Amino acid sequence: MTATKVSAGPGETSADVREWRELLARHADLTCALDRALQAGHELGMSEYEVLERLAELPEQSAKVQTIAKSVHLSQSALSRVIGRLETAGLVERHMCPEDRRAVNVRLTEAGLRRQTEARPTQRRVLAERLHAPLAKTCQPLPSVDG
C-alpha cells in the first residue's frame, strides 16, 4: 500500500489536494464540453440528457423522482427544475405514483425517447474524445444571451 502525504508545509500542496483539483478540473471541462455539444446539436443540457438516458434504459421508461435523483446525482430541487424543462419541451410526463400517493413518477414520452436516441452519438463522441484525453481546459463559459 502506498502512503500519501496528507499534510503539506506552507506553500506546498499535498498529492491528495492536487489529485482532487485535477478531478474537479476534469469534471468541469467534460461537463462544459457535454453541455455545449448537446445544446448545439440537440437543445439539451448534460443533466437533461442524463435524465432522458436513465429513463430510456428502464423497461417501463418510468421512475420515481427520488430514484432518478439518486442515479443522476442531482438534488431534489435541481432535478425538479430539469424535469420541469423536459416536461415543458414535451420530452417527459409527470404522473402520481399509484403505489405511493406522495411520490411522483416521471415517464419518457415518444418525443423524449427520439431526442435521447438522436443525442446519444453526440454524448458518446464527447466522452470518447475527452474522458481519457489530457485535460484540455479549452471550455470557456458560454457568452451571455443578454449581451
Protein backbone atom coordinates (compact mmCIF):
# COMPACT_ATOMS: atom_id res chain seq x y z
CA MET A 1 0.00 0.00 0.00
CA THR A 2 1.39 3.40 -0.98
CA ALA A 3 1.36 6.09 1.67
CA THR A 4 0.10 9.50 0.56
CA LYS A 5 1.49 12.64 2.13
CA VAL A 6 -1.57 14.09 3.84
CA SER A 7 -0.20 17.33 5.19
CA ALA A 8 1.96 19.80 3.37
CA GLY A 9 4.00 22.68 4.61
CA PRO A 10 3.21 26.34 3.90
CA GLY A 11 3.08 26.99 0.16
CA GLU A 12 3.12 23.25 -0.56
CA THR A 13 0.13 21.32 -1.88
CA SER A 14 -0.38 17.69 -0.89
CA ALA A 15 -0.77 14.96 -3.51
CA ASP A 16 -4.37 14.42 -2.42
CA VAL A 17 -5.23 18.08 -2.93
CA ARG A 18 -3.56 18.14 -6.35
CA GLU A 19 -5.45 15.00 -7.38
CA TRP A 20 -8.74 16.46 -6.08
CA ARG A 21 -8.18 19.67 -8.04
CA GLU A 22 -7.38 17.65 -11.18
CA LEU A 23 -10.61 15.71 -10.73
CA LEU A 24 -12.62 18.93 -10.32
CA ALA A 25 -10.98 20.48 -13.40
CA ARG A 26 -11.64 17.35 -15.50
CA HIS A 27 -15.27 17.24 -14.34
CA ALA A 28 -15.79 20.93 -15.16
CA ASP A 29 -14.15 20.58 -18.57
CA LEU A 30 -16.13 17.48 -19.51
CA THR A 31 -19.39 18.93 -18.21
CA CYS A 32 -18.85 22.09 -20.23
CA ALA A 33 -17.97 20.14 -23.39
CA LEU A 34 -21.05 17.91 -23.00
CA ASP A 35 -23.33 20.89 -22.35
CA ARG A 36 -22.04 22.71 -25.43
CA ALA A 37 -22.29 19.75 -27.79
CA LEU A 38 -25.69 18.58 -26.56
CA GLN A 39 -27.12 22.12 -26.55
CA ALA A 40 -25.81 22.93 -30.03
CA GLY A 41 -26.95 19.71 -31.65
CA HIS A 42 -29.99 18.69 -29.63
CA GLU A 43 -31.16 21.59 -27.43
CA LEU A 44 -30.38 19.60 -24.28
CA GLY A 45 -28.12 20.23 -21.34
CA MET A 46 -25.98 17.46 -19.89
CA SER A 47 -28.31 16.91 -16.90
CA GLU A 48 -31.36 16.85 -19.16
CA TYR A 49 -29.70 14.25 -21.38
CA GLU A 50 -28.76 12.14 -18.33
CA VAL A 51 -32.38 12.09 -17.12
CA LEU A 52 -33.63 11.09 -20.58
CA GLU A 53 -30.99 8.36 -20.87
CA ARG A 54 -31.68 6.90 -17.41
CA LEU A 55 -35.40 6.73 -18.24
CA ALA A 56 -34.70 5.23 -21.69
CA GLU A 57 -32.66 2.45 -20.05
CA LEU A 58 -35.61 1.28 -17.94
CA PRO A 59 -38.00 -1.33 -19.39
CA GLU A 60 -41.06 0.79 -18.49
CA GLN A 61 -39.22 4.10 -19.22
CA SER A 62 -40.64 5.49 -16.00
CA ALA A 63 -39.30 6.02 -12.48
CA LYS A 64 -39.96 7.86 -9.24
CA VAL A 65 -38.31 11.26 -8.99
CA GLN A 66 -36.36 10.07 -5.93
CA THR A 67 -34.93 7.13 -7.90
CA ILE A 68 -33.86 9.39 -10.76
CA ALA A 69 -32.23 11.83 -8.31
CA LYS A 70 -30.01 9.07 -6.93
CA SER A 71 -28.92 7.87 -10.37
CA VAL A 72 -28.09 11.29 -11.83
CA HIS A 73 -26.59 12.71 -8.63
CA LEU A 74 -28.77 15.84 -8.53
CA SER A 75 -30.55 17.35 -5.55
CA GLN A 76 -34.34 17.13 -5.50
CA SER A 77 -34.64 20.83 -6.33
CA ALA A 78 -32.13 20.71 -9.22
CA LEU A 79 -33.81 17.60 -10.61
CA SER A 80 -37.22 19.25 -10.29
CA ARG A 81 -36.01 22.13 -12.48
CA VAL A 82 -34.54 19.72 -15.05
CA ILE A 83 -37.76 17.68 -15.16
CA GLY A 84 -39.75 20.91 -15.49
CA ARG A 85 -37.74 21.91 -18.57
CA LEU A 86 -38.09 18.43 -20.07
CA GLU A 87 -41.83 18.43 -19.37
CA THR A 88 -42.27 21.87 -20.96
CA ALA A 89 -40.44 20.55 -24.05
CA GLY A 90 -42.78 17.53 -24.16
CA LEU A 91 -39.96 15.05 -23.51
CA VAL A 92 -41.28 13.63 -20.20
CA GLU A 93 -44.59 13.48 -18.34
CA ARG A 94 -45.18 13.54 -14.59
CA HIS A 95 -47.78 11.25 -13.00
CA MET A 96 -48.81 10.46 -9.45
CA CYS A 97 -47.32 7.18 -8.29
CA PRO A 98 -50.21 4.70 -7.85
CA GLU A 99 -48.37 2.79 -5.07
CA ASP A 100 -47.38 5.89 -3.09
CA ARG A 101 -49.59 8.98 -3.38
CA ARG A 102 -46.74 11.14 -2.00
CA ALA A 103 -44.39 10.20 -4.85
CA VAL A 104 -44.29 11.40 -8.45
CA ASN A 105 -43.34 9.22 -11.41
CA VAL A 106 -41.65 10.63 -14.49
CA ARG A 107 -42.27 8.88 -17.80
CA LEU A 108 -40.35 9.33 -21.03
CA THR A 109 -42.52 10.39 -23.98
CA GLU A 110 -42.03 9.21 -27.57
CA ALA A 111 -40.52 12.63 -28.34
CA GLY A 112 -38.18 12.24 -25.36
CA LEU A 113 -37.01 8.82 -26.49
CA ARG A 114 -36.46 10.15 -30.00
CA ARG A 115 -34.42 13.13 -28.71
CA GLN A 116 -32.32 10.91 -26.42
CA THR A 117 -31.67 8.45 -29.26
CA GLU A 118 -30.61 11.29 -31.58
CA ALA A 119 -28.34 12.83 -28.89
CA ARG A 120 -26.67 9.58 -27.81
CA PRO A 121 -23.96 9.62 -30.53
CA THR A 122 -23.05 13.20 -29.61
CA GLN A 123 -22.73 12.36 -25.93
CA ARG A 124 -20.71 9.23 -26.67
CA ARG A 125 -18.41 11.13 -29.07
CA VAL A 126 -17.64 13.82 -26.47
CA LEU A 127 -16.96 11.17 -23.83
CA ALA A 128 -14.67 9.25 -26.20
CA GLU A 129 -12.76 12.41 -27.15
CA ARG A 130 -12.42 13.99 -23.71
CA LEU A 131 -12.80 11.46 -20.90
CA HIS A 132 -9.33 9.89 -21.07
CA ALA A 133 -7.53 12.59 -23.04
CA PRO A 134 -5.14 15.03 -21.37
CA LEU A 135 -7.06 17.83 -19.70
CA ALA A 136 -7.65 20.48 -22.36
CA LYS A 137 -9.18 23.27 -20.25
CA THR A 138 -10.46 24.72 -23.50
CA CYS A 139 -14.06 25.00 -22.48
CA GLN A 140 -14.87 28.58 -21.63
CA PRO A 141 -18.20 29.80 -20.24
CA LEU A 142 -20.84 30.37 -22.87
CA PRO A 143 -21.42 34.02 -23.76
CA SER A 144 -24.35 35.67 -22.05
CA VAL A 145 -27.58 35.77 -24.06
CA ASP A 146 -28.33 39.19 -22.56
CA GLY A 147 -25.19 40.65 -24.13
